[in-house]
Amino acid sequence: MIATLLFAHGAGADKSSEFMQLTAGLFREHQVDCRLFNFDYMDKAAELGTRRPPDRMPKLTERFVNEIAHIDSTIPLFIGGKSMGGRVASMLVEETDALGGVCFGYPFHPPGKPDKLRTEHLESLGKPLFIAQGDRDPFGKREEVESYCLSSLVNVCFIENGEHSFKTRKSDQNTTEQNMQAAVKSSVEFIKMVVNSKL
């Protein structure tokens, strides 16, 4: 394996969701050991059979750090996630032994609220971060993201015709599956580049 990627789910779907399982499988095909986990609130929701809102950021980061502690430290580590999970990883990455981060569908702002930005820590980030973003993602469309002043270590790759989970429309030439493959392939290239720079 080239590296381990600890990858967290988004706010509304746990590690068993189709998106998370497909993502992990594609990374493993590219020799990146993608590990998934659930945040506490999601485990509790499954236990009770009800939907629950996400925990607050301190509890989310605490769970993420606990998961990192169980990872084999002899293989290069990256942390990341889908949407909210990616945001948590991006806020933690500098405090961990991870070489960098990988985010799918970063929630730059809540849908319909482009002024409520979640980019402050990304402006001065000191570790490499890769973001695969659908170019029509309501949490941050291409034209919006390109206007942000982000750290030079933040690499954003726009996924053609993709929304928040890289889904395409029936009229688009590319498929959702092709978009998923493109997001993973670009992420793996980023991971290899970072690992090689440390050799």
N, C-alpha and C. Protein backbone atom coordinates (compact mmCIF):
# COMPACT_ATOMS: atom_id res chain seq x y z
N MET A 1 0.84 -1.20 0.00
CA MET A 1 0.00 0.00 0.00
C MET A 1 0.88 1.26 0.00
N ILE A 2 0.44 2.26 -0.76
CA ILE A 2 1.17 3.53 -0.85
C ILE A 2 0.99 4.33 0.44
N ALA A 3 -0.24 4.33 0.95
CA ALA A 3 -0.58 5.14 2.12
C ALA A 3 -1.87 4.64 2.72
N THR A 4 -2.16 5.11 3.93
CA THR A 4 -3.46 4.88 4.57
C THR A 4 -4.23 6.20 4.53
N LEU A 5 -5.51 6.13 4.17
CA LEU A 5 -6.37 7.31 4.20
C LEU A 5 -7.53 7.03 5.15
N LEU A 6 -7.57 7.76 6.26
CA LEU A 6 -8.68 7.66 7.20
C LEU A 6 -9.73 8.66 6.74
N PHE A 7 -10.89 8.14 6.32
CA PHE A 7 -11.87 8.94 5.59
C PHE A 7 -13.21 8.95 6.34
N ALA A 8 -13.67 10.15 6.71
CA ALA A 8 -14.87 10.30 7.54
C ALA A 8 -16.10 10.62 6.68
N HIS A 9 -17.26 10.21 7.15
CA HIS A 9 -18.51 10.44 6.41
C HIS A 9 -19.01 11.88 6.57
N GLY A 10 -20.02 12.22 5.75
CA GLY A 10 -20.66 13.52 5.84
C GLY A 10 -21.73 13.54 6.91
N ALA A 11 -22.48 14.64 7.00
CA ALA A 11 -23.43 14.83 8.10
C ALA A 11 -24.60 13.86 8.08
N GLY A 12 -25.03 13.44 6.88
CA GLY A 12 -26.29 12.71 6.81
C GLY A 12 -26.24 11.23 6.49
N ALA A 13 -25.08 10.70 6.10
CA ALA A 13 -25.00 9.28 5.72
C ALA A 13 -23.74 8.66 6.32
N ASP A 14 -23.86 7.47 6.90
CA ASP A 14 -22.72 6.89 7.62
C ASP A 14 -21.75 6.14 6.70
N LYS A 15 -20.81 5.42 7.32
CA LYS A 15 -19.75 4.76 6.55
C LYS A 15 -20.27 3.65 5.64
N SER A 16 -21.48 3.15 5.91
CA SER A 16 -22.02 2.06 5.09
C SER A 16 -22.74 2.57 3.84
N SER A 17 -22.84 3.88 3.67
CA SER A 17 -23.54 4.43 2.50
C SER A 17 -22.84 4.05 1.21
N GLU A 18 -23.61 4.06 0.13
CA GLU A 18 -23.06 3.67 -1.18
C GLU A 18 -21.87 4.55 -1.56
N PHE A 19 -21.97 5.86 -1.31
CA PHE A 19 -20.89 6.77 -1.66
C PHE A 19 -19.60 6.41 -0.92
N MET A 20 -19.72 6.18 0.39
CA MET A 20 -18.53 5.88 1.19
C MET A 20 -17.91 4.54 0.81
N GLN A 21 -18.75 3.55 0.58
CA GLN A 21 -18.25 2.22 0.23
C GLN A 21 -17.58 2.23 -1.14
N LEU A 22 -18.17 2.94 -2.09
CA LEU A 22 -17.59 3.03 -3.43
C LEU A 22 -16.26 3.77 -3.37
N THR A 23 -16.22 4.86 -2.61
CA THR A 23 -14.99 5.64 -2.46
C THR A 23 -13.87 4.77 -1.90
N ALA A 24 -14.15 4.06 -0.82
CA ALA A 24 -13.13 3.21 -0.19
C ALA A 24 -12.64 2.13 -1.15
N GLY A 25 -13.56 1.52 -1.87
CA GLY A 25 -13.18 0.48 -2.83
C GLY A 25 -12.28 1.00 -3.94
N LEU A 26 -12.61 2.18 -4.46
CA LEU A 26 -11.80 2.77 -5.53
C LEU A 26 -10.40 3.13 -5.04
N PHE A 27 -10.30 3.66 -3.83
CA PHE A 27 -8.98 3.99 -3.28
C PHE A 27 -8.14 2.72 -3.12
N ARG A 28 -8.77 1.66 -2.65
CA ARG A 28 -8.02 0.41 -2.44
C ARG A 28 -7.52 -0.16 -3.77
N GLU A 29 -8.31 0.02 -4.83
CA GLU A 29 -7.87 -0.42 -6.16
C GLU A 29 -6.59 0.30 -6.58
N HIS A 30 -6.40 1.51 -6.04
CA HIS A 30 -5.21 2.32 -6.36
C HIS A 30 -4.13 2.21 -5.27
N GLN A 31 -4.20 1.14 -4.49
CA GLN A 31 -3.19 0.87 -3.46
C GLN A 31 -3.14 1.91 -2.32
N VAL A 32 -4.29 2.51 -2.05
CA VAL A 32 -4.42 3.38 -0.87
C VAL A 32 -5.42 2.71 0.07
N ASP A 33 -4.96 2.38 1.27
CA ASP A 33 -5.81 1.68 2.24
C ASP A 33 -6.78 2.68 2.88
N CYS A 34 -7.98 2.75 2.33
CA CYS A 34 -8.98 3.71 2.80
C CYS A 34 -9.78 3.11 3.95
N ARG A 35 -9.64 3.70 5.13
CA ARG A 35 -10.34 3.22 6.33
C ARG A 35 -11.51 4.14 6.64
N LEU A 36 -12.65 3.56 6.94
CA LEU A 36 -13.85 4.33 7.25
C LEU A 36 -14.24 4.15 8.72
N PHE A 37 -14.94 5.13 9.27
CA PHE A 37 -15.46 5.02 10.63
C PHE A 37 -16.70 5.89 10.76
N ASN A 38 -17.47 5.67 11.81
CA ASN A 38 -18.63 6.50 12.09
C ASN A 38 -18.34 7.44 13.26
N PHE A 39 -18.84 8.66 13.15
CA PHE A 39 -18.82 9.54 14.31
C PHE A 39 -19.82 9.01 15.34
N ASP A 40 -19.65 9.43 16.60
CA ASP A 40 -20.47 8.90 17.70
C ASP A 40 -21.97 9.09 17.46
N TYR A 41 -22.36 10.28 16.99
CA TYR A 41 -23.80 10.55 16.82
C TYR A 41 -24.44 9.60 15.81
N MET A 42 -23.64 9.16 14.83
CA MET A 42 -24.17 8.26 13.80
C MET A 42 -24.33 6.84 14.37
N ASP A 43 -23.39 6.42 15.20
CA ASP A 43 -23.53 5.13 15.87
C ASP A 43 -24.76 5.13 16.77
N LYS A 44 -24.97 6.24 17.48
CA LYS A 44 -26.12 6.36 18.38
C LYS A 44 -27.42 6.34 17.59
N ALA A 45 -27.44 7.00 16.44
CA ALA A 45 -28.63 7.03 15.59
C ALA A 45 -28.99 5.62 15.12
N ALA A 46 -27.97 4.84 14.76
CA ALA A 46 -28.19 3.46 14.31
C ALA A 46 -28.75 2.61 15.46
N GLU A 47 -28.19 2.85 16.65
CA GLU A 47 -28.62 2.13 17.86
C GLU A 47 -30.10 2.38 18.16
N LEU A 48 -30.49 3.66 18.05
CA LEU A 48 -31.85 4.06 18.41
C LEU A 48 -32.83 3.97 17.24
N GLY A 49 -32.29 3.80 16.04
CA GLY A 49 -33.15 3.72 14.86
C GLY A 49 -33.79 5.05 14.49
N THR A 50 -33.11 6.15 14.83
CA THR A 50 -33.62 7.49 14.50
C THR A 50 -32.50 8.34 13.92
N ARG A 51 -32.87 9.38 13.20
CA ARG A 51 -31.87 10.32 12.69
C ARG A 51 -31.46 11.27 13.81
N ARG A 52 -30.19 11.63 13.84
CA ARG A 52 -29.70 12.57 14.85
C ARG A 52 -28.86 13.64 14.17
N PRO A 53 -28.87 14.87 14.69
CA PRO A 53 -28.00 15.89 14.11
C PRO A 53 -26.55 15.61 14.48
N PRO A 54 -25.61 16.11 13.70
CA PRO A 54 -24.19 15.90 14.02
C PRO A 54 -23.81 16.49 15.37
N ASP A 55 -22.81 15.89 16.00
CA ASP A 55 -22.25 16.46 17.22
C ASP A 55 -21.57 17.78 16.89
N ARG A 56 -21.25 18.55 17.92
CA ARG A 56 -20.49 19.79 17.73
C ARG A 56 -19.04 19.47 17.39
N MET A 57 -18.35 20.44 16.83
CA MET A 57 -16.99 20.21 16.31
C MET A 57 -16.03 19.59 17.33
N PRO A 58 -15.99 20.03 18.61
CA PRO A 58 -15.03 19.40 19.54
C PRO A 58 -15.23 17.89 19.69
N LYS A 59 -16.48 17.44 19.67
CA LYS A 59 -16.75 16.00 19.80
C LYS A 59 -16.38 15.26 18.52
N LEU A 60 -16.62 15.90 17.37
CA LEU A 60 -16.25 15.29 16.09
C LEU A 60 -14.73 15.13 15.99
N THR A 61 -14.01 16.18 16.37
CA THR A 61 -12.54 16.11 16.28
C THR A 61 -11.98 15.08 17.27
N GLU A 62 -12.60 14.99 18.44
CA GLU A 62 -12.15 14.01 19.44
C GLU A 62 -12.27 12.59 18.90
N ARG A 63 -13.39 12.29 18.25
CA ARG A 63 -13.58 10.95 17.68
C ARG A 63 -12.57 10.69 16.58
N PHE A 64 -12.33 11.70 15.74
CA PHE A 64 -11.37 11.56 14.64
C PHE A 64 -9.97 11.25 15.20
N VAL A 65 -9.57 11.99 16.22
CA VAL A 65 -8.25 11.79 16.83
C VAL A 65 -8.14 10.39 17.43
N ASN A 66 -9.21 9.91 18.05
CA ASN A 66 -9.21 8.56 18.61
C ASN A 66 -9.02 7.51 17.53
N GLU A 67 -9.64 7.75 16.37
CA GLU A 67 -9.50 6.80 15.25
C GLU A 67 -8.07 6.81 14.70
N ILE A 68 -7.46 7.99 14.63
CA ILE A 68 -6.08 8.11 14.15
C ILE A 68 -5.13 7.29 15.03
N ALA A 69 -5.41 7.27 16.33
CA ALA A 69 -4.54 6.56 17.29
C ALA A 69 -4.46 5.06 17.01
N HIS A 70 -5.45 4.52 16.30
CA HIS A 70 -5.46 3.08 16.01
C HIS A 70 -4.83 2.72 14.66
N ILE A 71 -4.30 3.72 13.97
CA ILE A 71 -3.73 3.48 12.63
C ILE A 71 -2.25 3.10 12.73
N ASP A 72 -1.83 2.16 11.91
CA ASP A 72 -0.43 1.74 11.83
C ASP A 72 0.43 2.92 11.37
N SER A 73 1.35 3.35 12.23
CA SER A 73 2.14 4.56 11.94
C SER A 73 3.33 4.31 11.01
N THR A 74 3.52 3.05 10.56
CA THR A 74 4.66 2.77 9.68
C THR A 74 4.34 3.10 8.22
N ILE A 75 3.07 3.30 7.90
CA ILE A 75 2.65 3.64 6.53
C ILE A 75 2.25 5.11 6.50
N PRO A 76 2.60 5.87 5.44
CA PRO A 76 2.22 7.28 5.37
C PRO A 76 0.71 7.46 5.57
N LEU A 77 0.35 8.40 6.42
CA LEU A 77 -1.06 8.61 6.76
C LEU A 77 -1.60 9.90 6.16
N PHE A 78 -2.82 9.82 5.62
CA PHE A 78 -3.59 10.98 5.17
C PHE A 78 -4.96 10.89 5.85
N ILE A 79 -5.54 12.05 6.13
CA ILE A 79 -6.89 12.03 6.71
C ILE A 79 -7.80 12.87 5.82
N GLY A 80 -9.09 12.54 5.84
CA GLY A 80 -10.00 13.29 4.98
C GLY A 80 -11.43 12.88 5.21
N GLY A 81 -12.28 13.21 4.25
CA GLY A 81 -13.66 12.83 4.38
C GLY A 81 -14.55 13.50 3.36
N LYS A 82 -15.80 13.10 3.42
CA LYS A 82 -16.86 13.63 2.56
C LYS A 82 -17.51 14.80 3.29
N SER A 83 -17.61 15.95 2.65
CA SER A 83 -18.33 17.11 3.17
C SER A 83 -17.93 17.43 4.61
N MET A 84 -18.82 17.27 5.58
CA MET A 84 -18.52 17.59 6.97
C MET A 84 -17.29 16.83 7.47
N GLY A 85 -17.18 15.55 7.10
CA GLY A 85 -16.02 14.76 7.52
C GLY A 85 -14.71 15.34 7.00
N GLY A 86 -14.74 15.85 5.77
CA GLY A 86 -13.56 16.50 5.21
C GLY A 86 -13.22 17.79 5.92
N ARG A 87 -14.25 18.53 6.30
CA ARG A 87 -14.02 19.78 7.04
C ARG A 87 -13.35 19.49 8.38
N VAL A 88 -13.84 18.47 9.09
CA VAL A 88 -13.24 18.10 10.37
C VAL A 88 -11.77 17.73 10.15
N ALA A 89 -11.50 16.92 9.14
CA ALA A 89 -10.12 16.50 8.84
C ALA A 89 -9.23 17.70 8.54
N SER A 90 -9.76 18.65 7.76
CA SER A 90 -8.96 19.82 7.37
C SER A 90 -8.62 20.69 8.59
N MET A 91 -9.49 20.67 9.59
CA MET A 91 -9.23 21.46 10.80
C MET A 91 -8.26 20.76 11.74
N LEU A 92 -8.09 19.46 11.55
CA LEU A 92 -7.23 18.65 12.41
C LEU A 92 -5.85 18.38 11.83
N VAL A 93 -5.75 18.44 10.52
CA VAL A 93 -4.58 17.86 9.83
C VAL A 93 -3.24 18.38 10.35
N GLU A 94 -3.17 19.66 10.70
CA GLU A 94 -1.89 20.22 11.17
C GLU A 94 -1.50 19.71 12.56
N GLU A 95 -2.48 19.24 13.33
CA GLU A 95 -2.20 18.78 14.70
C GLU A 95 -1.86 17.30 14.74
N THR A 96 -1.88 16.63 13.60
CA THR A 96 -1.67 15.18 13.56
C THR A 96 -0.39 14.82 12.82
N ASP A 97 -0.11 13.52 12.78
CA ASP A 97 1.06 13.03 12.02
C ASP A 97 0.73 12.83 10.55
N ALA A 98 -0.50 13.13 10.15
CA ALA A 98 -0.89 12.97 8.74
C ALA A 98 -0.03 13.86 7.85
N LEU A 99 0.33 13.34 6.67
CA LEU A 99 1.12 14.12 5.73
C LEU A 99 0.27 15.15 5.00
N GLY A 100 -1.05 14.91 4.96
CA GLY A 100 -1.94 15.83 4.26
C GLY A 100 -3.38 15.36 4.38
N GLY A 101 -4.27 16.08 3.70
CA GLY A 101 -5.69 15.76 3.78
C GLY A 101 -6.34 15.64 2.41
N VAL A 102 -7.46 14.92 2.37
CA VAL A 102 -8.22 14.72 1.13
C VAL A 102 -9.70 14.95 1.44
N CYS A 103 -10.32 15.92 0.77
CA CYS A 103 -11.74 16.23 0.99
C CYS A 103 -12.54 16.02 -0.28
N PHE A 104 -13.68 15.40 -0.17
CA PHE A 104 -14.61 15.26 -1.29
C PHE A 104 -15.84 16.12 -0.99
N GLY A 105 -16.10 17.10 -1.84
CA GLY A 105 -17.25 17.97 -1.64
C GLY A 105 -17.11 18.80 -0.38
N TYR A 106 -16.11 19.68 -0.33
CA TYR A 106 -15.90 20.48 0.88
C TYR A 106 -17.07 21.46 1.05
N PRO A 107 -17.62 21.57 2.27
CA PRO A 107 -18.74 22.49 2.50
C PRO A 107 -18.25 23.92 2.74
N PHE A 108 -17.88 24.60 1.65
CA PHE A 108 -17.33 25.95 1.78
C PHE A 108 -18.33 26.91 2.44
N HIS A 109 -19.61 26.67 2.21
CA HIS A 109 -20.67 27.47 2.84
C HIS A 109 -21.96 26.65 2.81
N PRO A 110 -22.94 26.96 3.67
CA PRO A 110 -24.22 26.25 3.58
C PRO A 110 -24.90 26.61 2.25
N PRO A 111 -25.66 25.70 1.65
CA PRO A 111 -26.35 26.01 0.39
C PRO A 111 -27.22 27.26 0.52
N GLY A 112 -27.10 28.14 -0.46
CA GLY A 112 -27.89 29.36 -0.47
C GLY A 112 -27.38 30.45 0.45
N LYS A 113 -26.24 30.20 1.14
CA LYS A 113 -25.68 31.20 2.06
C LYS A 113 -24.18 31.41 1.76
N PRO A 114 -23.87 31.95 0.58
CA PRO A 114 -22.47 32.07 0.17
C PRO A 114 -21.63 33.01 1.03
N ASP A 115 -22.30 33.82 1.86
CA ASP A 115 -21.56 34.75 2.74
C ASP A 115 -21.11 34.07 4.04
N LYS A 116 -21.68 32.91 4.36
CA LYS A 116 -21.30 32.20 5.60
C LYS A 116 -20.17 31.22 5.29
N LEU A 117 -18.98 31.76 5.06
CA LEU A 117 -17.86 30.94 4.62
C LEU A 117 -17.21 30.14 5.75
N ARG A 118 -16.73 28.94 5.39
CA ARG A 118 -16.01 28.07 6.33
C ARG A 118 -14.59 27.88 5.81
N THR A 119 -13.94 28.98 5.53
CA THR A 119 -12.63 28.91 4.86
C THR A 119 -11.49 29.52 5.67
N GLU A 120 -11.78 30.08 6.84
CA GLU A 120 -10.74 30.83 7.57
C GLU A 120 -9.47 30.02 7.78
N HIS A 121 -9.61 28.77 8.25
CA HIS A 121 -8.41 27.96 8.52
C HIS A 121 -7.72 27.52 7.23
N LEU A 122 -8.45 27.53 6.12
CA LEU A 122 -7.86 27.13 4.84
C LEU A 122 -6.98 28.22 4.24
N GLU A 123 -7.13 29.43 4.73
CA GLU A 123 -6.34 30.56 4.19
C GLU A 123 -4.88 30.49 4.64
N SER A 124 -4.63 29.82 5.77
CA SER A 124 -3.25 29.77 6.29
C SER A 124 -2.80 28.33 6.55
N LEU A 125 -3.46 27.37 5.92
CA LEU A 125 -3.15 25.96 6.18
C LEU A 125 -1.69 25.65 5.86
N GLY A 126 -1.04 24.91 6.77
CA GLY A 126 0.39 24.64 6.62
C GLY A 126 0.73 23.24 6.14
N LYS A 127 -0.30 22.42 5.85
CA LYS A 127 -0.07 21.08 5.30
C LYS A 127 -0.86 20.95 4.01
N PRO A 128 -0.40 20.09 3.08
CA PRO A 128 -1.11 19.94 1.80
C PRO A 128 -2.51 19.37 1.97
N LEU A 129 -3.46 19.97 1.26
CA LEU A 129 -4.85 19.51 1.30
C LEU A 129 -5.37 19.44 -0.12
N PHE A 130 -5.99 18.31 -0.45
CA PHE A 130 -6.59 18.12 -1.78
C PHE A 130 -8.10 18.14 -1.64
N ILE A 131 -8.77 18.96 -2.46
CA ILE A 131 -10.23 19.02 -2.44
C ILE A 131 -10.75 18.68 -3.83
N ALA A 132 -11.57 17.62 -3.91
CA ALA A 132 -12.28 17.31 -5.16
C ALA A 132 -13.68 17.89 -5.01
N GLN A 133 -14.01 18.85 -5.86
CA GLN A 133 -15.26 19.61 -5.72
C GLN A 133 -16.06 19.57 -7.02
N GLY A 134 -17.32 19.15 -6.92
CA GLY A 134 -18.18 19.22 -8.10
C GLY A 134 -18.31 20.66 -8.56
N ASP A 135 -18.23 20.91 -9.86
CA ASP A 135 -18.22 22.30 -10.31
C ASP A 135 -19.58 23.00 -10.16
N ARG A 136 -20.64 22.22 -9.82
CA ARG A 136 -21.94 22.85 -9.53
C ARG A 136 -22.42 22.47 -8.13
N ASP A 137 -21.47 22.24 -7.23
CA ASP A 137 -21.79 21.89 -5.84
C ASP A 137 -22.43 23.09 -5.13
N PRO A 138 -23.65 22.93 -4.57
CA PRO A 138 -24.31 24.06 -3.90
C PRO A 138 -23.59 24.51 -2.63
N PHE A 139 -22.63 23.69 -2.15
CA PHE A 139 -21.83 24.08 -0.98
C PHE A 139 -20.57 24.86 -1.41
N GLY A 140 -20.44 25.15 -2.68
CA GLY A 140 -19.29 25.88 -3.20
C GLY A 140 -19.08 25.56 -4.67
N LYS A 141 -19.70 26.39 -5.54
CA LYS A 141 -19.56 26.18 -6.99
C LYS A 141 -18.19 26.67 -7.45
N ARG A 142 -17.82 26.24 -8.64
CA ARG A 142 -16.48 26.55 -9.15
C ARG A 142 -16.18 28.05 -9.14
N GLU A 143 -17.13 28.86 -9.66
CA GLU A 143 -16.85 30.30 -9.74
C GLU A 143 -16.71 30.93 -8.36
N GLU A 144 -17.39 30.36 -7.35
CA GLU A 144 -17.25 30.87 -5.98
C GLU A 144 -15.88 30.48 -5.41
N VAL A 145 -15.56 29.19 -5.52
CA VAL A 145 -14.33 28.67 -4.93
C VAL A 145 -13.09 29.34 -5.53
N GLU A 146 -13.14 29.59 -6.82
CA GLU A 146 -11.99 30.22 -7.49
C GLU A 146 -11.75 31.65 -7.01
N SER A 147 -12.75 32.25 -6.36
CA SER A 147 -12.58 33.63 -5.86
C SER A 147 -12.02 33.67 -4.43
N TYR A 148 -11.93 32.52 -3.76
CA TYR A 148 -11.46 32.49 -2.38
C TYR A 148 -9.94 32.61 -2.30
N CYS A 149 -9.45 33.22 -1.23
CA CYS A 149 -7.99 33.34 -1.00
C CYS A 149 -7.57 32.18 -0.10
N LEU A 150 -7.22 31.06 -0.71
CA LEU A 150 -6.83 29.88 0.06
C LEU A 150 -5.31 29.72 0.08
N SER A 151 -4.80 29.01 1.07
CA SER A 151 -3.38 28.71 1.16
C SER A 151 -2.89 28.06 -0.14
N SER A 152 -1.64 28.31 -0.47
CA SER A 152 -1.05 27.71 -1.69
C SER A 152 -0.95 26.18 -1.55
N LEU A 153 -1.10 25.66 -0.33
CA LEU A 153 -1.04 24.21 -0.12
C LEU A 153 -2.40 23.54 -0.30
N VAL A 154 -3.44 24.34 -0.56
CA VAL A 154 -4.78 23.78 -0.83
C VAL A 154 -4.94 23.61 -2.34
N ASN A 155 -5.10 22.38 -2.77
CA ASN A 155 -5.27 22.06 -4.19
C ASN A 155 -6.73 21.69 -4.44
N VAL A 156 -7.41 22.45 -5.30
CA VAL A 156 -8.81 22.15 -5.61
C VAL A 156 -8.90 21.61 -7.03
N CYS A 157 -9.52 20.43 -7.16
CA CYS A 157 -9.75 19.81 -8.46
C CYS A 157 -11.26 19.82 -8.70
N PHE A 158 -11.69 20.44 -9.78
CA PHE A 158 -13.13 20.53 -10.06
C PHE A 158 -13.58 19.33 -10.90
N ILE A 159 -14.66 18.71 -10.43
CA ILE A 159 -15.21 17.52 -11.09
C ILE A 159 -16.34 17.96 -12.01
N GLU A 160 -16.16 17.67 -13.29
CA GLU A 160 -17.05 18.18 -14.34
C GLU A 160 -18.51 17.76 -14.15
N ASN A 161 -19.39 18.76 -14.18
CA ASN A 161 -20.84 18.55 -14.07
C ASN A 161 -21.27 17.90 -12.75
N GLY A 162 -20.38 17.90 -11.76
CA GLY A 162 -20.70 17.22 -10.50
C GLY A 162 -21.38 18.12 -9.49
N GLU A 163 -22.32 17.53 -8.72
CA GLU A 163 -22.88 18.28 -7.59
C GLU A 163 -22.16 17.82 -6.32
N HIS A 164 -22.83 17.88 -5.15
CA HIS A 164 -22.13 17.67 -3.88
C HIS A 164 -21.55 16.26 -3.73
N SER A 165 -22.20 15.28 -4.34
CA SER A 165 -21.67 13.90 -4.32
C SER A 165 -21.18 13.49 -5.70
N PHE A 166 -20.82 14.51 -6.51
CA PHE A 166 -20.29 14.32 -7.88
C PHE A 166 -21.33 13.78 -8.86
N LYS A 167 -22.61 13.77 -8.47
CA LYS A 167 -23.66 13.26 -9.36
C LYS A 167 -23.80 14.16 -10.58
N THR A 168 -24.04 13.51 -11.71
CA THR A 168 -24.25 14.23 -12.96
C THR A 168 -25.75 14.22 -13.31
N ARG A 169 -26.11 15.01 -14.29
CA ARG A 169 -27.50 14.99 -14.81
C ARG A 169 -27.58 14.00 -15.97
N LYS A 170 -28.79 13.59 -16.29
CA LYS A 170 -28.97 12.62 -17.39
C LYS A 170 -28.45 13.17 -18.71
N SER A 171 -28.50 14.51 -18.86
CA SER A 171 -28.07 15.13 -20.12
C SER A 171 -26.54 15.26 -20.23
N ASP A 172 -25.81 15.05 -19.13
CA ASP A 172 -24.35 15.19 -19.16
C ASP A 172 -23.70 13.99 -19.84
N GLN A 173 -22.59 14.24 -20.53
CA GLN A 173 -21.89 13.15 -21.22
C GLN A 173 -21.16 12.24 -20.24
N ASN A 174 -20.62 12.82 -19.18
CA ASN A 174 -19.92 12.00 -18.19
C ASN A 174 -20.91 11.46 -17.17
N THR A 175 -20.59 10.31 -16.57
CA THR A 175 -21.47 9.68 -15.59
C THR A 175 -20.98 9.96 -14.17
N THR A 176 -21.85 9.69 -13.21
CA THR A 176 -21.47 9.85 -11.79
C THR A 176 -20.31 8.92 -11.46
N GLU A 177 -20.35 7.70 -11.97
CA GLU A 177 -19.27 6.74 -11.70
C GLU A 177 -17.93 7.23 -12.27
N GLN A 178 -17.97 7.82 -13.46
CA GLN A 178 -16.73 8.39 -14.03
C GLN A 178 -16.21 9.53 -13.16
N ASN A 179 -17.13 10.32 -12.62
CA ASN A 179 -16.73 11.41 -11.74
C ASN A 179 -16.08 10.89 -10.46
N MET A 180 -16.64 9.84 -9.90
CA MET A 180 -16.06 9.23 -8.70
C MET A 180 -14.65 8.73 -8.99
N GLN A 181 -14.51 8.06 -10.13
CA GLN A 181 -13.19 7.54 -10.50
C GLN A 181 -12.19 8.68 -10.70
N ALA A 182 -12.65 9.77 -11.31
CA ALA A 182 -11.77 10.92 -11.54
C ALA A 182 -11.34 11.55 -10.22
N ALA A 183 -12.29 11.66 -9.28
CA ALA A 183 -11.98 12.25 -7.97
C ALA A 183 -10.94 11.41 -7.23
N VAL A 184 -11.11 10.09 -7.26
CA VAL A 184 -10.18 9.20 -6.57
C VAL A 184 -8.82 9.20 -7.26
N LYS A 185 -8.82 9.13 -8.59
CA LYS A 185 -7.55 9.10 -9.34
C LYS A 185 -6.72 10.36 -9.06
N SER A 186 -7.38 11.52 -9.08
CA SER A 186 -6.68 12.78 -8.81
C SER A 186 -6.17 12.82 -7.37
N SER A 187 -6.96 12.28 -6.45
CA SER A 187 -6.56 12.23 -5.04
C SER A 187 -5.33 11.35 -4.85
N VAL A 188 -5.32 10.22 -5.55
CA VAL A 188 -4.19 9.29 -5.43
C VAL A 188 -2.92 9.93 -6.00
N GLU A 189 -3.05 10.66 -7.09
CA GLU A 189 -1.89 11.38 -7.65
C GLU A 189 -1.35 12.38 -6.64
N PHE A 190 -2.26 13.08 -5.96
CA PHE A 190 -1.86 14.02 -4.92
C PHE A 190 -1.14 13.29 -3.78
N ILE A 191 -1.71 12.18 -3.33
CA ILE A 191 -1.10 11.40 -2.24
C ILE A 191 0.30 10.94 -2.62
N LYS A 192 0.46 10.42 -3.85
CA LYS A 192 1.78 9.96 -4.32
C LYS A 192 2.77 11.12 -4.34
N MET A 193 2.32 12.28 -4.81
CA MET A 193 3.20 13.46 -4.91
C MET A 193 3.69 13.87 -3.51
N VAL A 194 2.78 13.88 -2.53
CA VAL A 194 3.16 14.27 -1.17
C VAL A 194 4.10 13.23 -0.56
N VAL A 195 3.78 11.94 -0.74
CA VAL A 195 4.63 10.88 -0.19
C VAL A 195 6.03 10.97 -0.79
N ASN A 196 6.11 11.15 -2.11
CA ASN A 196 7.41 11.23 -2.79
C ASN A 196 8.23 12.44 -2.34
N SER A 197 7.53 13.52 -2.00
CA SER A 197 8.24 14.74 -1.57
C SER A 197 8.88 14.55 -0.19
N LYS A 198 8.43 13.53 0.54
CA LYS A 198 8.97 13.26 1.90
C LYS A 198 10.11 12.25 1.87
N LEU A 199 10.33 11.61 0.71
CA LEU A 199 11.38 10.57 0.63
C LEU A 199 12.77 11.18 0.62
